[in-house]
């Protein structure tokens, strides 16, 4: 499996985050995982560390403080020099959420929780 320098998980579910990190470690998916519990934490970090951005973002929808949609709206406004693909990973099976994700050019795919190896392969396919 391809290895990324850094993957960012934006999700408030600590059990999901633990499992996703373990799966990434097991498959050598990336060298480093940065985790934020909500969109505001991630946005603030990215605004302050523009030279230290991840290779990709795994984003949940439902979080406190700033949800995934609000994060996408604000992140899209940043003057980011490199394109960072976002993959929505959510437990929501609502077709409205899936359709809404398609309206954001930076969102490459909408995947169901929990993260599985076949989904990681699907993510990798976007980089070939």
N, C-alpha and C. Protein backbone atom coordinates (compact mmCIF):
# COMPACT_ATOMS: atom_id res chain seq x y z
N UNK A 1 0.84 -1.18 0.00
CA UNK A 1 0.00 0.00 0.00
C UNK A 1 0.89 1.25 0.00
N UNK A 2 0.45 2.27 -0.71
CA UNK A 2 1.19 3.53 -0.77
C UNK A 2 1.24 4.16 0.62
N UNK A 3 2.32 4.83 0.91
CA UNK A 3 2.46 5.51 2.19
C UNK A 3 2.40 7.02 1.98
N UNK A 4 1.56 7.66 2.74
CA UNK A 4 1.47 9.11 2.74
C UNK A 4 2.29 9.65 3.89
N UNK A 5 2.77 10.88 3.75
CA UNK A 5 3.50 11.50 4.85
C UNK A 5 2.58 11.71 6.05
N UNK A 6 1.45 12.39 5.80
CA UNK A 6 0.55 12.70 6.90
C UNK A 6 -0.90 12.64 6.45
N UNK A 7 -1.69 11.97 7.25
CA UNK A 7 -3.13 11.94 7.07
C UNK A 7 -3.75 12.65 8.26
N UNK A 8 -4.80 13.39 8.00
CA UNK A 8 -5.50 14.10 9.06
C UNK A 8 -6.89 13.48 9.23
N UNK A 9 -7.23 13.14 10.45
CA UNK A 9 -8.57 12.66 10.78
C UNK A 9 -9.25 13.77 11.58
N UNK A 10 -10.42 14.19 11.10
CA UNK A 10 -11.21 15.18 11.84
C UNK A 10 -12.48 14.47 12.25
N UNK A 11 -12.54 14.06 13.52
CA UNK A 11 -13.64 13.24 14.02
C UNK A 11 -13.64 13.24 15.54
N UNK A 12 -14.80 13.34 16.14
CA UNK A 12 -14.89 13.38 17.61
C UNK A 12 -15.12 12.01 18.24
N UNK A 13 -15.23 10.96 17.44
CA UNK A 13 -15.47 9.61 17.94
C UNK A 13 -14.13 8.93 18.24
N UNK A 14 -13.76 8.91 19.51
CA UNK A 14 -12.44 8.40 19.89
C UNK A 14 -12.26 6.91 19.58
N UNK A 15 -13.33 6.14 19.62
CA UNK A 15 -13.22 4.71 19.31
C UNK A 15 -12.95 4.53 17.81
N UNK A 16 -13.67 5.27 16.98
CA UNK A 16 -13.42 5.21 15.54
C UNK A 16 -11.99 5.66 15.23
N UNK A 17 -11.56 6.75 15.82
CA UNK A 17 -10.21 7.29 15.57
C UNK A 17 -9.16 6.25 15.96
N UNK A 18 -9.34 5.62 17.11
CA UNK A 18 -8.39 4.60 17.57
C UNK A 18 -8.30 3.47 16.54
N UNK A 19 -9.46 2.97 16.08
CA UNK A 19 -9.47 1.88 15.10
C UNK A 19 -8.86 2.29 13.77
N UNK A 20 -9.19 3.50 13.31
CA UNK A 20 -8.65 3.98 12.03
C UNK A 20 -7.13 4.12 12.11
N UNK A 21 -6.63 4.65 13.22
CA UNK A 21 -5.18 4.80 13.38
C UNK A 21 -4.49 3.44 13.40
N UNK A 22 -5.08 2.48 14.10
CA UNK A 22 -4.51 1.13 14.15
C UNK A 22 -4.49 0.48 12.76
N UNK A 23 -5.57 0.66 12.00
CA UNK A 23 -5.63 0.12 10.65
C UNK A 23 -4.58 0.77 9.75
N UNK A 24 -4.42 2.07 9.87
CA UNK A 24 -3.40 2.78 9.08
C UNK A 24 -2.00 2.32 9.45
N UNK A 25 -1.79 2.09 10.73
CA UNK A 25 -0.48 1.60 11.19
C UNK A 25 -0.23 0.19 10.65
N UNK A 26 -1.22 -0.67 10.74
CA UNK A 26 -1.11 -2.06 10.29
C UNK A 26 -0.81 -2.14 8.79
N UNK A 27 -1.45 -1.29 7.99
CA UNK A 27 -1.29 -1.33 6.54
C UNK A 27 -0.19 -0.40 6.04
N UNK A 28 0.45 0.31 6.96
CA UNK A 28 1.49 1.29 6.60
C UNK A 28 0.95 2.33 5.61
N UNK A 29 -0.30 2.74 5.84
CA UNK A 29 -1.00 3.69 4.98
C UNK A 29 -0.36 5.07 5.01
N UNK A 30 0.13 5.47 6.17
CA UNK A 30 0.77 6.78 6.27
C UNK A 30 1.80 6.75 7.40
N UNK A 31 2.70 7.72 7.33
CA UNK A 31 3.77 7.80 8.33
C UNK A 31 3.29 8.47 9.62
N UNK A 32 2.33 9.40 9.48
CA UNK A 32 1.88 10.16 10.64
C UNK A 32 0.39 10.46 10.50
N UNK A 33 -0.32 10.40 11.62
CA UNK A 33 -1.75 10.73 11.64
C UNK A 33 -1.95 11.87 12.63
N UNK A 34 -2.56 12.94 12.15
CA UNK A 34 -2.91 14.06 13.01
C UNK A 34 -4.42 14.01 13.22
N UNK A 35 -4.86 14.16 14.46
CA UNK A 35 -6.28 14.04 14.79
C UNK A 35 -6.79 15.34 15.41
N UNK A 36 -7.96 15.76 14.94
CA UNK A 36 -8.66 16.90 15.52
C UNK A 36 -10.07 16.45 15.86
N UNK A 37 -10.59 16.93 17.00
CA UNK A 37 -11.91 16.49 17.48
C UNK A 37 -13.07 17.24 16.84
N UNK A 38 -12.78 18.33 16.14
CA UNK A 38 -13.83 19.06 15.44
C UNK A 38 -13.20 19.92 14.35
N UNK A 39 -14.04 20.43 13.49
CA UNK A 39 -13.56 21.22 12.38
C UNK A 39 -12.83 22.49 12.78
N UNK A 40 -13.26 23.11 13.88
CA UNK A 40 -12.63 24.36 14.31
C UNK A 40 -11.18 24.12 14.73
N UNK A 41 -10.93 23.05 15.47
CA UNK A 41 -9.54 22.72 15.86
C UNK A 41 -8.67 22.55 14.62
N UNK A 42 -9.17 21.83 13.63
CA UNK A 42 -8.41 21.57 12.42
C UNK A 42 -8.19 22.86 11.64
N UNK A 43 -9.24 23.65 11.48
CA UNK A 43 -9.14 24.89 10.72
C UNK A 43 -8.13 25.84 11.35
N UNK A 44 -8.19 25.99 12.66
CA UNK A 44 -7.24 26.86 13.37
C UNK A 44 -5.81 26.37 13.15
N UNK A 45 -5.61 25.08 13.25
CA UNK A 45 -4.27 24.51 13.04
C UNK A 45 -3.79 24.80 11.62
N UNK A 46 -4.64 24.54 10.63
CA UNK A 46 -4.24 24.75 9.23
C UNK A 46 -3.95 26.22 8.95
N UNK A 47 -4.71 27.12 9.55
CA UNK A 47 -4.48 28.55 9.35
C UNK A 47 -3.12 28.97 9.90
N UNK A 48 -2.71 28.35 11.00
CA UNK A 48 -1.45 28.70 11.66
C UNK A 48 -0.26 27.93 11.13
N UNK A 49 -0.49 26.83 10.46
CA UNK A 49 0.59 25.95 10.00
C UNK A 49 0.45 25.64 8.51
N UNK A 50 0.37 26.66 7.69
CA UNK A 50 0.14 26.47 6.25
C UNK A 50 1.26 25.68 5.56
N UNK A 51 2.44 25.66 6.14
CA UNK A 51 3.55 24.92 5.53
C UNK A 51 3.61 23.47 6.02
N UNK A 52 2.66 23.07 6.84
CA UNK A 52 2.67 21.74 7.43
C UNK A 52 1.30 21.08 7.26
N UNK A 53 0.82 21.02 6.02
CA UNK A 53 -0.51 20.48 5.74
C UNK A 53 -0.44 18.99 5.44
N UNK A 54 -1.53 18.27 5.71
CA UNK A 54 -1.54 16.83 5.45
C UNK A 54 -1.67 16.53 3.95
N UNK A 55 -1.46 15.26 3.61
CA UNK A 55 -1.62 14.81 2.22
C UNK A 55 -3.09 14.58 1.91
N UNK A 56 -3.86 14.21 2.92
CA UNK A 56 -5.29 14.00 2.75
C UNK A 56 -6.00 14.16 4.08
N UNK A 57 -7.31 14.40 3.99
CA UNK A 57 -8.14 14.60 5.18
C UNK A 57 -9.29 13.61 5.15
N UNK A 58 -9.49 12.93 6.28
CA UNK A 58 -10.65 12.07 6.48
C UNK A 58 -11.58 12.83 7.43
N UNK A 59 -12.75 13.18 6.95
CA UNK A 59 -13.63 14.13 7.65
C UNK A 59 -14.97 13.52 7.99
N UNK A 60 -15.35 13.64 9.26
CA UNK A 60 -16.69 13.24 9.71
C UNK A 60 -17.65 14.40 9.49
N UNK A 61 -18.94 14.11 9.48
CA UNK A 61 -19.94 15.18 9.32
C UNK A 61 -20.36 15.73 10.67
N UNK A 62 -20.84 14.85 11.54
CA UNK A 62 -21.45 15.29 12.80
C UNK A 62 -20.43 15.38 13.92
N UNK A 63 -20.11 16.65 14.28
CA UNK A 63 -19.16 16.91 15.37
C UNK A 63 -19.63 18.17 16.10
N UNK A 64 -19.21 18.31 17.35
CA UNK A 64 -19.55 19.55 18.07
C UNK A 64 -18.70 20.72 17.59
N UNK A 65 -19.08 21.90 17.93
CA UNK A 65 -18.39 23.17 17.68
C UNK A 65 -18.43 23.54 16.20
N UNK A 66 -17.79 22.75 15.34
CA UNK A 66 -17.83 22.97 13.89
C UNK A 66 -17.94 21.62 13.21
N UNK A 67 -19.05 21.40 12.52
CA UNK A 67 -19.25 20.10 11.86
C UNK A 67 -18.49 20.03 10.54
N UNK A 68 -18.59 18.90 9.88
CA UNK A 68 -17.85 18.69 8.65
C UNK A 68 -18.23 19.65 7.54
N UNK A 69 -19.52 19.98 7.41
CA UNK A 69 -19.96 20.92 6.38
C UNK A 69 -19.39 22.31 6.61
N UNK A 70 -19.46 22.76 7.86
CA UNK A 70 -18.91 24.08 8.20
C UNK A 70 -17.41 24.11 7.95
N UNK A 71 -16.72 23.02 8.29
CA UNK A 71 -15.29 22.94 8.05
C UNK A 71 -15.00 23.07 6.55
N UNK A 72 -15.74 22.33 5.72
CA UNK A 72 -15.53 22.40 4.27
C UNK A 72 -15.73 23.81 3.74
N UNK A 73 -16.78 24.48 4.23
CA UNK A 73 -17.05 25.85 3.79
C UNK A 73 -15.88 26.77 4.11
N UNK A 74 -15.34 26.66 5.32
CA UNK A 74 -14.25 27.54 5.75
C UNK A 74 -12.90 27.12 5.15
N UNK A 75 -12.65 25.83 5.08
CA UNK A 75 -11.39 25.32 4.53
C UNK A 75 -11.27 25.71 3.06
N UNK A 76 -12.37 25.69 2.34
CA UNK A 76 -12.38 26.04 0.92
C UNK A 76 -11.97 27.49 0.69
N UNK A 77 -12.12 28.33 1.70
CA UNK A 77 -11.76 29.75 1.59
C UNK A 77 -10.27 30.00 1.81
N UNK A 78 -9.58 29.04 2.41
CA UNK A 78 -8.15 29.22 2.69
C UNK A 78 -7.34 29.23 1.40
N UNK A 79 -6.30 30.02 1.39
CA UNK A 79 -5.40 30.08 0.24
C UNK A 79 -4.33 29.00 0.44
N UNK A 80 -4.69 27.79 0.09
CA UNK A 80 -3.81 26.64 0.27
C UNK A 80 -3.09 26.37 -1.05
N UNK A 81 -1.76 26.30 -0.97
CA UNK A 81 -0.97 26.14 -2.20
C UNK A 81 -1.10 24.75 -2.81
N UNK A 82 -1.30 23.73 -1.99
CA UNK A 82 -1.43 22.38 -2.56
C UNK A 82 -2.87 21.89 -2.39
N UNK A 83 -3.28 21.08 -3.31
CA UNK A 83 -4.62 20.50 -3.27
C UNK A 83 -4.63 19.36 -2.26
N UNK A 84 -5.51 19.45 -1.29
CA UNK A 84 -5.63 18.41 -0.27
C UNK A 84 -6.98 17.73 -0.45
N UNK A 85 -6.98 16.49 -0.90
CA UNK A 85 -8.26 15.80 -1.08
C UNK A 85 -8.90 15.47 0.26
N UNK A 86 -10.21 15.58 0.28
CA UNK A 86 -10.99 15.28 1.48
C UNK A 86 -11.88 14.08 1.18
N UNK A 87 -11.92 13.15 2.12
CA UNK A 87 -12.80 12.00 2.03
C UNK A 87 -13.74 12.06 3.22
N UNK A 88 -15.02 12.16 2.93
CA UNK A 88 -16.02 12.17 4.00
C UNK A 88 -16.17 10.73 4.48
N UNK A 89 -16.04 10.54 5.78
CA UNK A 89 -16.23 9.21 6.37
C UNK A 89 -17.23 9.38 7.49
N UNK A 90 -18.42 8.84 7.28
CA UNK A 90 -19.51 9.11 8.21
C UNK A 90 -20.37 7.87 8.43
N UNK A 91 -21.07 7.87 9.54
CA UNK A 91 -22.04 6.81 9.81
C UNK A 91 -23.40 7.16 9.21
N UNK A 92 -23.53 8.36 8.67
CA UNK A 92 -24.79 8.79 8.05
C UNK A 92 -24.97 8.10 6.71
N UNK A 93 -26.11 7.44 6.54
CA UNK A 93 -26.42 6.81 5.26
C UNK A 93 -27.47 7.62 4.51
N UNK A 94 -27.71 8.83 4.96
CA UNK A 94 -28.69 9.73 4.35
C UNK A 94 -28.21 10.14 2.96
N UNK A 95 -28.99 9.84 1.92
CA UNK A 95 -28.60 10.24 0.56
C UNK A 95 -28.41 11.75 0.42
N UNK A 96 -29.09 12.54 1.23
CA UNK A 96 -28.92 13.99 1.19
C UNK A 96 -27.48 14.36 1.54
N UNK A 97 -26.91 13.70 2.56
CA UNK A 97 -25.51 13.95 2.93
C UNK A 97 -24.57 13.53 1.80
N UNK A 98 -24.84 12.39 1.22
CA UNK A 98 -23.99 11.91 0.13
C UNK A 98 -24.04 12.85 -1.07
N UNK A 99 -25.23 13.35 -1.39
CA UNK A 99 -25.38 14.30 -2.49
C UNK A 99 -24.71 15.63 -2.17
N UNK A 100 -24.85 16.07 -0.94
CA UNK A 100 -24.24 17.35 -0.53
C UNK A 100 -22.72 17.26 -0.64
N UNK A 101 -22.15 16.13 -0.27
CA UNK A 101 -20.69 15.95 -0.35
C UNK A 101 -20.21 16.13 -1.78
N UNK A 102 -21.02 15.72 -2.75
CA UNK A 102 -20.64 15.82 -4.16
C UNK A 102 -20.59 17.27 -4.65
N UNK A 103 -21.17 18.19 -3.88
CA UNK A 103 -21.17 19.60 -4.31
C UNK A 103 -19.86 20.30 -3.96
N UNK A 104 -19.00 19.66 -3.19
CA UNK A 104 -17.71 20.24 -2.82
C UNK A 104 -16.62 19.64 -3.71
N UNK A 105 -15.97 20.45 -4.54
CA UNK A 105 -14.93 19.93 -5.43
C UNK A 105 -13.78 19.22 -4.72
N UNK A 106 -13.47 19.62 -3.49
CA UNK A 106 -12.35 18.99 -2.78
C UNK A 106 -12.71 17.64 -2.18
N UNK A 107 -14.02 17.32 -2.09
CA UNK A 107 -14.44 16.03 -1.55
C UNK A 107 -14.36 15.00 -2.68
N UNK A 108 -13.49 14.02 -2.50
CA UNK A 108 -13.25 13.01 -3.53
C UNK A 108 -14.18 11.81 -3.42
N UNK A 109 -14.66 11.53 -2.20
CA UNK A 109 -15.55 10.38 -2.04
C UNK A 109 -16.23 10.46 -0.68
N UNK A 110 -17.31 9.70 -0.57
CA UNK A 110 -18.09 9.61 0.66
C UNK A 110 -18.09 8.14 1.06
N UNK A 111 -17.52 7.84 2.21
CA UNK A 111 -17.36 6.46 2.65
C UNK A 111 -18.07 6.24 3.98
N UNK A 112 -18.55 5.01 4.19
CA UNK A 112 -19.24 4.67 5.42
C UNK A 112 -18.25 4.26 6.51
N UNK A 113 -18.57 4.61 7.75
CA UNK A 113 -17.80 4.15 8.90
C UNK A 113 -18.15 2.71 9.18
N UNK A 114 -17.25 1.97 9.76
CA UNK A 114 -15.87 2.31 10.09
C UNK A 114 -14.97 2.17 8.86
N UNK A 115 -13.79 2.75 8.94
CA UNK A 115 -12.81 2.65 7.87
C UNK A 115 -12.34 1.21 7.74
N UNK A 116 -12.34 0.72 6.50
CA UNK A 116 -11.93 -0.66 6.23
C UNK A 116 -10.82 -0.66 5.17
N UNK A 117 -10.12 -1.77 5.06
CA UNK A 117 -9.00 -1.87 4.12
C UNK A 117 -9.45 -1.59 2.69
N UNK A 118 -10.60 -2.13 2.28
CA UNK A 118 -11.04 -1.89 0.90
C UNK A 118 -11.33 -0.40 0.66
N UNK A 119 -11.77 0.32 1.68
CA UNK A 119 -11.99 1.76 1.54
C UNK A 119 -10.65 2.49 1.42
N UNK A 120 -9.65 2.02 2.15
CA UNK A 120 -8.32 2.62 2.05
C UNK A 120 -7.78 2.44 0.64
N UNK A 121 -8.03 1.28 0.05
CA UNK A 121 -7.60 1.03 -1.33
C UNK A 121 -8.35 1.95 -2.29
N UNK A 122 -9.62 2.21 -2.00
CA UNK A 122 -10.41 3.14 -2.81
C UNK A 122 -9.83 4.55 -2.72
N UNK A 123 -9.40 4.96 -1.53
CA UNK A 123 -8.76 6.26 -1.34
C UNK A 123 -7.48 6.32 -2.18
N UNK A 124 -6.68 5.27 -2.09
CA UNK A 124 -5.42 5.22 -2.85
C UNK A 124 -5.64 5.32 -4.35
N UNK A 125 -6.74 4.78 -4.83
CA UNK A 125 -7.03 4.82 -6.26
C UNK A 125 -7.15 6.24 -6.77
N UNK A 126 -7.52 7.17 -5.92
CA UNK A 126 -7.64 8.57 -6.31
C UNK A 126 -6.28 9.22 -6.56
N UNK A 127 -5.21 8.57 -6.13
CA UNK A 127 -3.88 9.14 -6.26
C UNK A 127 -3.07 8.50 -7.39
N UNK A 128 -3.67 7.59 -8.11
CA UNK A 128 -2.93 6.90 -9.19
C UNK A 128 -3.06 7.66 -10.48
